[in-house]
Each structure stands twice: as structure tokens, then as C-alpha cells.
Amino acid sequence: MFLGVCEIPVGFPSRKMNCALSQELFARAQKYIPGGVNSPVRAFRGVGGTPRFIARADGSHIFDVDGNEYIDYVCSWGPLILGHRPKSVIEALASVLELGTSFGAPTAREVELAELIIDAVPSVEMVRLVNSGTEACMSALRLARGFTGRDLTIKFEGCYHGHVDSLLVKAGSGIATLSLPDTAGVPKSFSETTIALPFNDLDRVETAFREQGDRIAAVIVEPVAGNMGCVPPEPGFLEGLRQLTHQFGALLIFDEVMTGFRLSRGGAQQLYNINPDLTTLGKIIGGGLPLAAYGGRTEIMKKVAPAGPVYQAGTLSGNPLAVTAGIATLLYLEEHPETYDTLEKLTTQLTSHAPQGTCVNRVGSMYTFFFQEGPVGNYEQAKRSDTNAFGRFFHHLLDRGVYFPPSQFEAGFVSAAHTLEDILCTAKAISEFPVE
């Protein structure tokens, strides 16, 4: 039985929840699924212990198979900006289930979603729907190479753009959590097409362009990094990338899989008033279902097959279920612009209760508590965090019914379903964490 966070006495040292069924399921899963999970960070390797197997969710709360209830700040790693099972999305999904789940042919809903994306995201004039953020980034890079006739890509250490072979170089996120040296299985020739530079270091970018500018097809960047923890751009960094790519004839790609529709309706590019050449989107545009997209200027996007020579395809791309959930979510955000003010206020209040001695990074409703003094402006600085202390903090909250991301190197999220009571209960749990 869940004991509500606010019912725990002040100074209560720990409340070990019953997780017998999660332990049993994890043991079974490890026999049939690598590491027992279908995405690495879910395994709790960065914090220790047994991952909770979730049975259901509602609003801002999730419930595991053992009946424990948690305030959820993972939000499915960002997509659930309206929380779990929002009424408008559930009703829309119910209506489309009676019509079919996949046709392998065009539908009117795909056009409607494309129009919503183009209306909201400043730089996007045409868009192609795909199934995952990885697929979006992979396709955008192929398009950039095809458009420019060049081979090299600049990326930034600690930025994760999906498990694309050429981009799994200092990719942060799950790789950092598991302490893997990039990854096995990627030919050296693939990684040699990628120049990995420190995030927020514009001088290094300029040097790379001056040395190899005629070979660089694109710079791809998370405008607000979320995969080494939340790390915002320093003043002038994104503007500098825009200027340098324009100067040397390369494309600027904003990976807004995480930030798109999260930081504002127009994403980080609207927030910082910078138009990239290409944008990748995901998470929120699927309304909780697998969906992603890449888009940009018409002259570039018309190079994509069947309009042009750059091939990309997908059987389930634009499937009716995911598109319908995405439409419902984006329409809600369009009709309720005050949502972003609410998210800003709630997240500001949450992060004001961070444990003493931590460095707090926040942009909008994305945040990270780094267990170090800071500042944290790049991957090397993020790696100085005390991951053991973070692990103790994570389990301290988990035992009190608060579910934070199970990794020091991931961003947390607040949804529109979170309430002031959720924030205050979380603050109380945080206040009981013993600072060593």
C-alpha cells in the first residue's frame, strides 16, 4: 500500500518499498532480453537496485506491479508534456482504433500533423514523418550530406542523437551511465566522419571549419543538451554556430527531439530566435506513441525521395495511432498557450528545493540536479558529478514515492499534470535527504 510522500515523518531514514514482483520480473527478463530491458538506462545500472516494472499511470503518477505509487518526473523521458493518459489524447486514440492501425498508404491525418508542425516550428517549411528520434537524426544527416555533397559532421561531446553509427562518439546519456567507451560494432571508418567537440566551445568549432570547412556537411546540436543532464547553451554559442555554418556552406541541424514543443510551442529555436536549416523532432509530437520527424527549408527537403535522390522510407511512418495522438497533443498546446507558463512556475519551484551543494541546470520544464558545485556547461564538467551521491539521492526519493530519472546524466521533466501538491511533497522528500 502506498503511504503518500507527505505522510512520511520528517527525518524518516528510509522506507523500503515492497518490490518483490519487480524483482521476479527483472530476473525473468534477464533470461530473454539483453540486460533485462529494451533500452539501457531502464536497467538502473547508474543507480543500482532493481528497476520498477510499471503497471499503469495516471496524470503525474505511475504505479508499479507491486502496487507502489510514485510522482513521475521521467514522463517517458520527455514526451508526456500533458502527463499520463490525458483525456484529449485518450479520446482521440479511442476514435481511431475503430478505423485501423496501419495502412501503408497516405492518410489525411498525416497532412494535418505536418501542417501543425510547420505552423509551430519557425524554420520548418516541409516535414517527413518517421518512427523514432534515431531515425529522424539519421535521415537528417543523410539529407545534409546529399544536399551539400560533403561527408563530415560536427557533433558535440555528451549530445546524444540516437544510436546512429557515426554519431555514437562521446554520446553521453546511456553510454555515460554505463561507462562504455563509445560502443562496439561501429566501424572506424564511420566514426571518422564525425568531429566531436566540446559543447559551448565556439572557438573549437571555428578552428574545425577553418581546417576542414569544405568537407563539413553539417553541425548537429541539441540546442539545450539533455543527454549529459540538462545543459543550456551559453550566450552566443548557438548564434555562432548559425554564423559559421552559413559562412562555410554547411547546414545547421537542431536536434529538437527533446526540446521541440517542450521549451515552447516552437521549441528551442523559437526560444533562442535562431533558425536552423534542418530540425529533428520526436517525443511530444507522438503524444506518447512512437513518432518522430525531420524537416526544414523546402529546397533541402525536396531532395528527399520520391521528390529527390536522398532515399528514406518506413512502413509504419505516419501510422494513424501515433499521428492521432500527436495531433491531439499539439492541438492542446496550441489552444492552451498558458501551459508553458504553468510548467515554468512548477519547475522553478521544484528546482528551488534542490539538495544543498548541488548545481542546478534548468531551461523551461527540463532540469538536472548535478551532484557537484558546478558550473556544468559541457560533458567534461558534467562527468565531475558524484554519481554515487546521485544514486543515494535517487533511491532516497524512490523509497518516498518520487521517481526521478535513474541516471545523473539524464534530464528530468515536469508535466502539465503535475500539481503544487506534487511539488511540495517532492520538496519534503528532498529535504529529508542527508547531505554528507
Protein backbone atom coordinates (compact mmCIF):
# COMPACT_ATOMS: atom_id res chain seq x y z
CA MET A 1 0.00 0.00 0.00
CA PHE A 2 1.29 3.46 -0.90
CA LEU A 3 1.86 5.70 2.10
CA GLY A 4 1.80 9.09 0.34
CA VAL A 5 5.03 11.11 0.37
CA CYS A 6 3.62 13.70 2.75
CA GLU A 7 2.74 11.06 5.33
CA ILE A 8 6.38 10.11 5.92
CA PRO A 9 7.63 11.60 9.23
CA VAL A 10 10.32 14.27 8.97
CA GLY A 11 13.74 12.66 9.26
CA PHE A 12 12.41 9.18 8.43
CA PRO A 13 15.63 7.41 7.34
CA SER A 14 14.21 5.19 4.59
CA ARG A 15 11.12 3.28 3.62
CA LYS A 16 11.98 0.18 1.65
CA MET A 17 9.07 -0.45 -0.65
CA ASN A 18 7.97 -3.95 -1.45
CA CYS A 19 9.27 -4.68 -4.95
CA ALA A 20 9.10 -8.49 -4.95
CA LEU A 21 7.19 -8.71 -8.23
CA SER A 22 9.52 -6.24 -9.95
CA GLN A 23 12.47 -8.37 -8.79
CA GLU A 24 10.82 -11.51 -10.12
CA LEU A 25 10.04 -9.90 -13.48
CA PHE A 26 13.56 -8.49 -13.78
CA ALA A 27 15.06 -11.94 -13.15
CA ARG A 28 12.83 -13.41 -15.86
CA ALA A 29 13.55 -10.54 -18.25
CA GLN A 30 17.32 -11.01 -17.98
CA LYS A 31 16.92 -14.54 -19.37
CA TYR A 32 15.26 -13.34 -22.55
CA ILE A 33 16.12 -9.63 -23.03
CA PRO A 34 19.70 -8.27 -23.02
CA GLY A 35 20.24 -6.77 -19.58
CA GLY A 36 16.56 -7.36 -18.86
CA VAL A 37 15.47 -4.12 -20.55
CA ASN A 38 14.70 -2.80 -24.02
CA SER A 39 16.57 0.48 -23.50
CA PRO A 40 19.75 0.58 -21.38
CA VAL A 41 19.06 3.34 -18.83
CA ARG A 42 15.96 1.48 -17.62
CA ALA A 43 18.23 -1.16 -16.05
CA PHE A 44 19.19 1.13 -13.10
CA ARG A 45 22.89 0.44 -13.78
CA GLY A 46 23.71 4.05 -12.96
CA VAL A 47 21.99 3.96 -9.56
CA GLY A 48 21.92 0.29 -8.57
CA GLY A 49 18.99 -1.76 -7.41
CA THR A 50 16.04 -3.28 -9.18
CA PRO A 51 14.18 -1.33 -11.88
CA ARG A 52 10.50 -0.90 -11.15
CA PHE A 53 8.15 -2.56 -13.61
CA ILE A 54 5.30 -0.14 -14.24
CA ALA A 55 1.75 -1.42 -14.39
CA ARG A 56 -0.22 1.76 -15.09
CA ALA A 57 -0.14 5.53 -14.88
CA ASP A 58 -2.47 8.46 -14.46
CA GLY A 59 -1.75 12.19 -14.58
CA SER A 60 1.57 12.84 -12.87
CA HIS A 61 1.72 9.47 -11.10
CA ILE A 62 2.89 5.99 -12.06
CA PHE A 63 2.10 2.69 -10.29
CA ASP A 64 4.37 -0.35 -10.30
CA VAL A 65 3.40 -4.02 -10.37
CA ASP A 66 3.81 -4.25 -6.59
CA GLY A 67 1.23 -1.52 -6.05
CA ASN A 68 3.66 1.29 -5.19
CA GLU A 69 2.78 4.80 -6.38
CA TYR A 70 5.28 7.45 -7.49
CA ILE A 71 5.26 11.07 -8.58
CA ASP A 72 6.81 10.76 -12.03
CA TYR A 73 9.49 13.18 -13.24
CA VAL A 74 10.67 10.96 -16.10
CA CYS A 75 7.46 11.42 -18.11
CA SER A 76 8.54 8.65 -20.51
CA TRP A 77 11.81 10.62 -20.99
CA GLY A 78 10.02 13.76 -22.11
CA PRO A 79 7.07 13.01 -24.42
CA LEU A 80 4.34 13.30 -21.81
CA ILE A 81 4.10 17.06 -21.53
CA LEU A 82 0.39 16.70 -20.66
CA GLY A 83 1.04 13.85 -18.23
CA HIS A 84 -0.13 10.26 -18.44
CA ARG A 85 -3.38 9.43 -20.19
CA PRO A 86 -4.60 12.99 -20.90
CA LYS A 87 -8.28 12.93 -21.72
CA SER A 88 -7.97 14.58 -25.15
CA VAL A 89 -5.33 12.08 -26.31
CA ILE A 90 -7.11 9.01 -24.95
CA GLU A 91 -10.40 10.01 -26.58
CA ALA A 92 -8.69 10.66 -29.91
CA LEU A 93 -6.95 7.28 -29.79
CA ALA A 94 -10.21 5.51 -29.00
CA SER A 95 -11.82 7.03 -32.06
CA VAL A 96 -9.07 5.97 -34.45
CA LEU A 97 -8.82 2.41 -33.10
CA GLU A 98 -12.13 1.66 -34.77
CA LEU A 99 -10.74 2.71 -38.15
CA GLY A 100 -7.43 0.82 -38.29
CA THR A 101 -3.88 0.90 -37.00
CA SER A 102 -1.71 0.91 -40.15
CA PHE A 103 -2.45 1.12 -43.85
CA GLY A 104 0.91 1.58 -45.60
CA ALA A 105 -0.81 4.34 -47.55
CA PRO A 106 -1.32 8.08 -47.05
CA THR A 107 -3.98 9.42 -44.67
CA ALA A 108 -5.47 12.86 -44.11
CA ARG A 109 -4.18 12.84 -40.53
CA GLU A 110 -0.57 12.85 -41.74
CA VAL A 111 -1.25 16.07 -43.63
CA GLU A 112 -2.93 17.63 -40.59
CA LEU A 113 0.01 16.81 -38.32
CA ALA A 114 2.50 18.14 -40.88
CA GLU A 115 0.55 21.40 -41.03
CA LEU A 116 0.55 21.70 -37.24
CA ILE A 117 4.32 21.16 -37.06
CA ILE A 118 5.05 23.64 -39.85
CA ASP A 119 2.77 26.25 -38.26
CA ALA A 120 4.54 25.94 -34.91
CA VAL A 121 8.25 25.43 -35.67
CA PRO A 122 9.77 28.58 -37.22
CA SER A 123 12.33 27.01 -39.58
CA VAL A 124 10.30 24.07 -40.89
CA GLU A 125 8.71 24.51 -44.33
CA MET A 126 8.38 20.82 -45.22
CA VAL A 127 8.46 17.77 -42.95
CA ARG A 128 8.82 13.99 -43.24
CA LEU A 129 7.36 11.74 -40.53
CA VAL A 130 9.39 8.79 -39.21
CA ASN A 131 9.16 6.49 -36.19
CA SER A 132 11.93 7.45 -33.76
CA GLY A 133 14.36 10.20 -32.88
CA THR A 134 17.22 8.00 -34.04
CA GLU A 135 15.60 7.61 -37.44
CA ALA A 136 14.98 11.35 -37.68
CA CYS A 137 18.61 12.25 -36.92
CA MET A 138 19.99 9.54 -39.19
CA SER A 139 17.80 10.76 -42.04
CA ALA A 140 18.60 14.43 -41.47
CA LEU A 141 22.33 13.71 -41.62
CA ARG A 142 21.97 11.68 -44.80
CA LEU A 143 19.98 14.54 -46.29
CA ALA A 144 22.63 17.08 -45.23
CA ARG A 145 25.36 15.02 -46.89
CA GLY A 146 23.25 14.58 -50.01
CA PHE A 147 22.41 18.27 -50.22
CA THR A 148 25.94 19.56 -49.67
CA GLY A 149 27.94 16.76 -51.33
CA ARG A 150 30.17 16.63 -48.24
CA ASP A 151 30.90 13.82 -45.76
CA LEU A 152 31.88 15.20 -42.35
CA THR A 153 29.65 16.07 -39.41
CA ILE A 154 30.41 18.14 -36.32
CA LYS A 155 28.66 16.98 -33.15
CA PHE A 156 29.21 17.83 -29.50
CA GLU A 157 30.51 15.66 -26.70
CA GLY A 158 27.70 14.50 -24.44
CA CYS A 159 24.98 15.15 -27.02
CA TYR A 160 23.05 12.02 -27.99
CA HIS A 161 21.36 11.90 -31.36
CA GLY A 162 20.13 8.32 -31.25
CA HIS A 163 22.08 5.16 -31.89
CA VAL A 164 23.29 6.24 -35.34
CA ASP A 165 26.65 4.55 -36.05
CA SER A 166 28.53 7.69 -37.00
CA LEU A 167 27.18 9.67 -34.02
CA LEU A 168 27.96 7.24 -31.20
CA VAL A 169 31.07 9.24 -30.39
CA LYS A 170 31.15 10.71 -26.85
CA ALA A 171 27.37 10.44 -26.92
CA GLY A 172 26.53 10.92 -23.24
CA SER A 173 23.23 9.55 -21.92
CA GLY A 174 23.11 5.78 -21.53
CA ILE A 175 26.69 5.40 -22.74
CA ALA A 176 27.89 7.69 -19.95
CA THR A 177 25.66 5.94 -17.43
CA LEU A 178 27.10 2.55 -18.34
CA SER A 179 30.68 3.88 -18.66
CA LEU A 180 31.02 2.45 -22.17
CA PRO A 181 33.88 3.71 -24.39
CA ASP A 182 31.52 4.83 -27.14
CA THR A 183 30.32 1.47 -28.46
CA ALA A 184 31.43 -1.76 -30.08
CA GLY A 185 30.18 -2.64 -33.53
CA VAL A 186 30.81 0.71 -35.21
CA PRO A 187 33.45 0.57 -37.97
CA LYS A 188 36.27 3.05 -37.51
CA SER A 189 35.53 4.48 -40.93
CA PHE A 190 32.06 5.53 -39.73
CA SER A 191 33.28 7.35 -36.64
CA GLU A 192 35.98 9.06 -38.72
CA THR A 193 33.25 11.03 -40.46
CA THR A 194 32.36 12.71 -37.14
CA ILE A 195 34.23 15.55 -35.44
CA ALA A 196 33.30 15.58 -31.73
CA LEU A 197 33.88 18.92 -29.99
CA PRO A 198 33.11 20.29 -26.52
CA PHE A 199 29.61 21.75 -26.13
CA ASN A 200 29.63 25.54 -25.70
CA ASP A 201 33.15 25.87 -27.17
CA LEU A 202 32.68 28.04 -30.25
CA ASP A 203 36.42 28.55 -30.75
CA ARG A 204 36.91 24.84 -31.36
CA VAL A 205 34.10 24.86 -33.93
CA GLU A 206 35.65 27.77 -35.76
CA THR A 207 39.03 26.00 -35.83
CA ALA A 208 37.43 22.86 -37.27
CA PHE A 209 35.77 24.86 -40.02
CA ARG A 210 38.94 26.72 -40.89
CA GLU A 211 40.81 23.41 -41.16
CA GLN A 212 38.16 21.29 -42.95
CA GLY A 213 35.30 23.63 -43.84
CA ASP A 214 34.98 22.39 -47.42
CA ARG A 215 34.38 18.83 -46.14
CA ILE A 216 31.86 19.56 -43.37
CA ALA A 217 28.27 18.86 -44.38
CA ALA A 218 26.57 19.79 -41.12
CA VAL A 219 26.73 20.70 -37.48
CA ILE A 220 24.19 18.79 -35.40
CA VAL A 221 23.44 20.01 -31.89
CA GLU A 222 20.92 19.67 -29.12
CA PRO A 223 20.19 23.39 -28.64
CA VAL A 224 19.65 22.57 -24.99
CA ALA A 225 21.55 19.39 -24.19
CA GLY A 226 19.51 16.79 -22.36
CA ASN A 227 21.67 13.70 -22.56
CA MET A 228 24.53 14.71 -20.29
CA GLY A 229 21.93 16.12 -17.97
CA CYS A 230 20.28 19.42 -18.83
CA VAL A 231 22.96 21.81 -20.12
CA PRO A 232 21.86 25.13 -21.67
CA PRO A 233 23.79 26.92 -24.41
CA GLU A 234 25.99 29.78 -23.30
CA PRO A 235 25.15 33.22 -24.72
CA GLY A 236 26.38 33.45 -28.31
CA PHE A 237 27.02 29.73 -28.81
CA LEU A 238 24.02 28.90 -30.99
CA GLU A 239 24.30 32.24 -32.77
CA GLY A 240 27.94 31.42 -33.52
CA LEU A 241 27.02 28.03 -34.96
CA ARG A 242 24.48 29.69 -37.21
CA GLN A 243 27.03 32.21 -38.45
CA LEU A 244 29.81 29.66 -39.05
CA THR A 245 27.64 27.13 -40.88
CA HIS A 246 26.31 29.90 -43.13
CA GLN A 247 29.82 31.22 -43.75
CA PHE A 248 31.24 27.82 -44.77
CA GLY A 249 28.22 26.47 -46.66
CA ALA A 250 27.32 23.75 -44.14
CA LEU A 251 23.87 23.00 -42.71
CA LEU A 252 22.90 23.62 -39.11
CA ILE A 253 20.75 20.83 -37.66
CA PHE A 254 18.89 21.36 -34.40
CA ASP A 255 18.10 18.08 -32.70
CA GLU A 256 14.86 19.11 -31.01
CA VAL A 257 13.67 15.58 -30.30
CA MET A 258 13.68 16.53 -26.62
CA THR A 259 13.21 20.31 -26.74
CA GLY A 260 10.64 20.53 -29.53
CA PHE A 261 7.25 21.62 -28.12
CA ARG A 262 8.79 21.21 -24.65
CA LEU A 263 10.55 24.56 -24.17
CA SER A 264 7.97 26.48 -26.19
CA ARG A 265 5.46 25.64 -28.89
CA GLY A 266 8.17 26.49 -31.43
CA GLY A 267 10.87 24.65 -29.49
CA ALA A 268 14.33 25.91 -28.58
CA GLN A 269 14.70 27.66 -31.92
CA GLN A 270 11.78 29.91 -31.05
CA LEU A 271 13.07 30.41 -27.52
CA TYR A 272 16.52 31.49 -28.74
CA ASN A 273 15.31 33.07 -32.01
CA ILE A 274 17.63 31.05 -34.28
CA ASN A 275 16.50 29.25 -37.43
CA PRO A 276 18.45 26.08 -38.28
CA ASP A 277 18.43 24.57 -41.76
CA LEU A 278 17.05 21.23 -40.57
CA THR A 279 15.24 20.21 -37.39
CA THR A 280 14.62 16.79 -35.92
CA LEU A 281 11.57 16.28 -33.73
CA GLY A 282 10.17 13.44 -31.66
CA LYS A 283 8.74 12.55 -28.26
CA ILE A 284 5.99 15.17 -27.78
CA ILE A 285 4.87 15.11 -31.43
CA GLY A 286 3.80 11.48 -30.90
CA GLY A 287 1.69 12.22 -27.82
CA GLY A 288 3.18 9.20 -26.03
CA LEU A 289 3.36 6.90 -29.07
CA PRO A 290 6.39 6.22 -31.31
CA LEU A 291 6.63 9.07 -33.80
CA ALA A 292 9.32 11.50 -34.96
CA ALA A 293 10.03 13.81 -37.86
CA TYR A 294 12.67 15.81 -39.66
CA GLY A 295 12.03 19.00 -41.58
CA GLY A 296 13.48 22.22 -42.83
CA ARG A 297 13.77 24.52 -45.79
CA THR A 298 11.82 23.47 -48.89
CA GLU A 299 14.88 23.44 -51.16
CA ILE A 300 16.59 20.95 -48.84
CA MET A 301 13.57 18.75 -48.11
CA LYS A 302 12.79 18.39 -51.82
CA LYS A 303 15.95 16.30 -52.06
CA VAL A 304 14.16 13.52 -50.14
CA ALA A 305 12.71 10.62 -52.18
CA PRO A 306 10.44 10.40 -54.06
CA ALA A 307 10.86 14.12 -54.79
CA GLY A 308 14.65 13.83 -54.88
CA PRO A 309 17.63 11.44 -54.79
CA VAL A 310 18.10 11.02 -50.99
CA TYR A 311 16.32 7.80 -50.08
CA GLN A 312 14.45 7.21 -46.82
CA ALA A 313 11.35 5.11 -46.15
CA GLY A 314 9.37 3.47 -43.36
CA THR A 315 6.44 1.06 -43.32
CA LEU A 316 4.90 2.45 -40.13
CA SER A 317 5.87 6.09 -40.70
CA GLY A 318 2.83 8.27 -40.09
CA ASN A 319 0.71 5.41 -38.77
CA PRO A 320 -2.81 6.54 -37.72
CA LEU A 321 -2.42 5.82 -34.00
CA ALA A 322 0.76 7.81 -33.42
CA VAL A 323 -0.32 10.63 -35.71
CA THR A 324 -3.67 10.93 -33.94
CA ALA A 325 -2.05 11.11 -30.51
CA GLY A 326 0.35 13.73 -31.84
CA ILE A 327 -2.41 15.86 -33.33
CA ALA A 328 -4.36 15.80 -30.06
CA THR A 329 -1.28 16.85 -28.08
CA LEU A 330 -0.19 19.63 -30.41
CA LEU A 331 -3.73 20.99 -30.69
CA TYR A 332 -3.96 21.14 -26.91
CA LEU A 333 -0.70 23.09 -26.70
CA GLU A 334 -1.89 25.46 -29.43
CA GLU A 335 -5.21 26.06 -27.68
CA HIS A 336 -3.69 26.36 -24.19
CA PRO A 337 -0.56 28.54 -24.51
CA GLU A 338 -0.71 29.16 -20.75
CA THR A 339 0.58 25.60 -20.32
CA TYR A 340 4.14 26.85 -20.74
CA ASP A 341 3.76 29.47 -18.01
CA THR A 342 2.42 26.77 -15.68
CA LEU A 343 5.33 24.46 -16.47
CA GLU A 344 7.83 27.27 -15.91
CA LYS A 345 6.40 28.09 -12.48
CA LEU A 346 6.17 24.47 -11.32
CA THR A 347 9.69 23.60 -12.47
CA THR A 348 11.15 26.75 -10.93
CA GLN A 349 9.57 25.81 -7.62
CA LEU A 350 10.78 22.20 -7.83
CA THR A 351 14.37 23.13 -8.60
CA SER A 352 14.44 25.71 -5.81
CA HIS A 353 14.38 22.75 -3.40
CA ALA A 354 17.49 21.04 -4.80
CA PRO A 355 19.80 19.45 -2.19
CA GLN A 356 22.46 21.69 -0.72
CA GLY A 357 25.74 21.58 -2.65
CA THR A 358 24.23 20.58 -5.99
CA CYS A 359 24.45 22.52 -9.24
CA VAL A 360 21.01 23.04 -10.76
CA ASN A 361 20.62 23.48 -14.52
CA ARG A 362 17.17 24.27 -15.86
CA VAL A 363 15.57 25.50 -19.06
CA GLY A 364 11.79 25.61 -19.01
CA SER A 365 10.44 22.29 -17.77
CA MET A 366 13.77 20.44 -18.25
CA TYR A 367 16.18 20.25 -15.32
CA THR A 368 19.04 18.34 -13.70
CA PHE A 369 20.48 18.32 -10.18
CA PHE A 370 24.21 17.75 -10.68
CA PHE A 371 25.89 16.43 -7.54
CA GLN A 372 28.81 18.85 -7.66
CA GLU A 373 29.41 22.55 -7.16
CA GLY A 374 29.41 23.33 -10.89
CA PRO A 375 29.15 25.10 -13.18
CA VAL A 376 28.16 22.44 -15.72
CA GLY A 377 28.40 23.73 -19.26
CA ASN A 378 29.78 20.72 -21.12
CA TYR A 379 30.29 16.97 -20.95
CA GLU A 380 33.64 17.03 -19.15
CA GLN A 381 32.16 19.23 -16.43
CA ALA A 382 29.08 17.01 -16.15
CA LYS A 383 31.29 13.93 -15.62
CA ARG A 384 32.76 15.52 -12.48
CA SER A 385 29.47 14.85 -10.70
CA ASP A 386 29.38 12.46 -7.75
CA THR A 387 27.39 9.62 -9.27
CA ASN A 388 27.43 7.63 -6.02
CA ALA A 389 25.78 10.53 -4.21
CA PHE A 390 23.24 10.81 -7.00
CA GLY A 391 22.47 7.10 -6.67
CA ARG A 392 21.81 7.51 -2.94
CA PHE A 393 19.61 10.51 -3.68
CA PHE A 394 17.67 8.62 -6.35
CA HIS A 395 16.87 5.73 -4.01
CA HIS A 396 16.08 8.12 -1.16
CA LEU A 397 13.38 9.66 -3.36
CA LEU A 398 12.23 6.34 -4.78
CA ASP A 399 11.64 4.98 -1.29
CA ARG A 400 9.46 8.02 -0.63
CA GLY A 401 7.35 7.70 -3.75
CA VAL A 402 9.21 10.08 -6.08
CA TYR A 403 10.52 8.77 -9.40
CA PHE A 404 13.48 10.77 -10.79
CA PRO A 405 15.48 9.73 -13.88
CA PRO A 406 17.72 6.79 -12.85
CA SER A 407 20.91 8.46 -14.11
CA GLN A 408 22.93 11.55 -13.23
CA PHE A 409 23.29 12.17 -16.96
CA GLU A 410 19.63 12.47 -17.90
CA ALA A 411 17.26 15.43 -17.71
CA GLY A 412 14.13 15.35 -15.59
CA PHE A 413 10.78 16.71 -16.77
CA VAL A 414 7.70 18.34 -15.31
CA SER A 415 4.32 17.89 -17.00
CA ALA A 416 1.13 19.92 -17.09
CA ALA A 417 -0.44 17.20 -14.94
CA HIS A 418 1.90 17.90 -12.01
CA THR A 419 0.28 19.84 -9.20
CA LEU A 420 1.52 22.14 -6.49
CA GLU A 421 0.89 19.28 -4.06
CA ASP A 422 3.20 17.05 -6.13
CA ILE A 423 5.93 19.68 -5.96
CA LEU A 424 5.53 20.24 -2.21
CA CYS A 425 5.55 16.51 -1.49
CA THR A 426 8.69 16.14 -3.60
CA ALA A 427 10.30 19.09 -1.83
CA LYS A 428 9.60 17.44 1.53
CA ALA A 429 11.23 14.21 0.37
CA ILE A 430 14.25 16.13 -0.93
CA SER A 431 14.60 17.99 2.37
CA GLU A 432 15.00 14.68 4.21
CA PHE A 433 18.00 13.64 2.13
CA PRO A 434 21.07 13.61 4.40
CA VAL A 435 23.77 15.84 2.94
CA GLU A 436 27.19 14.30 3.60
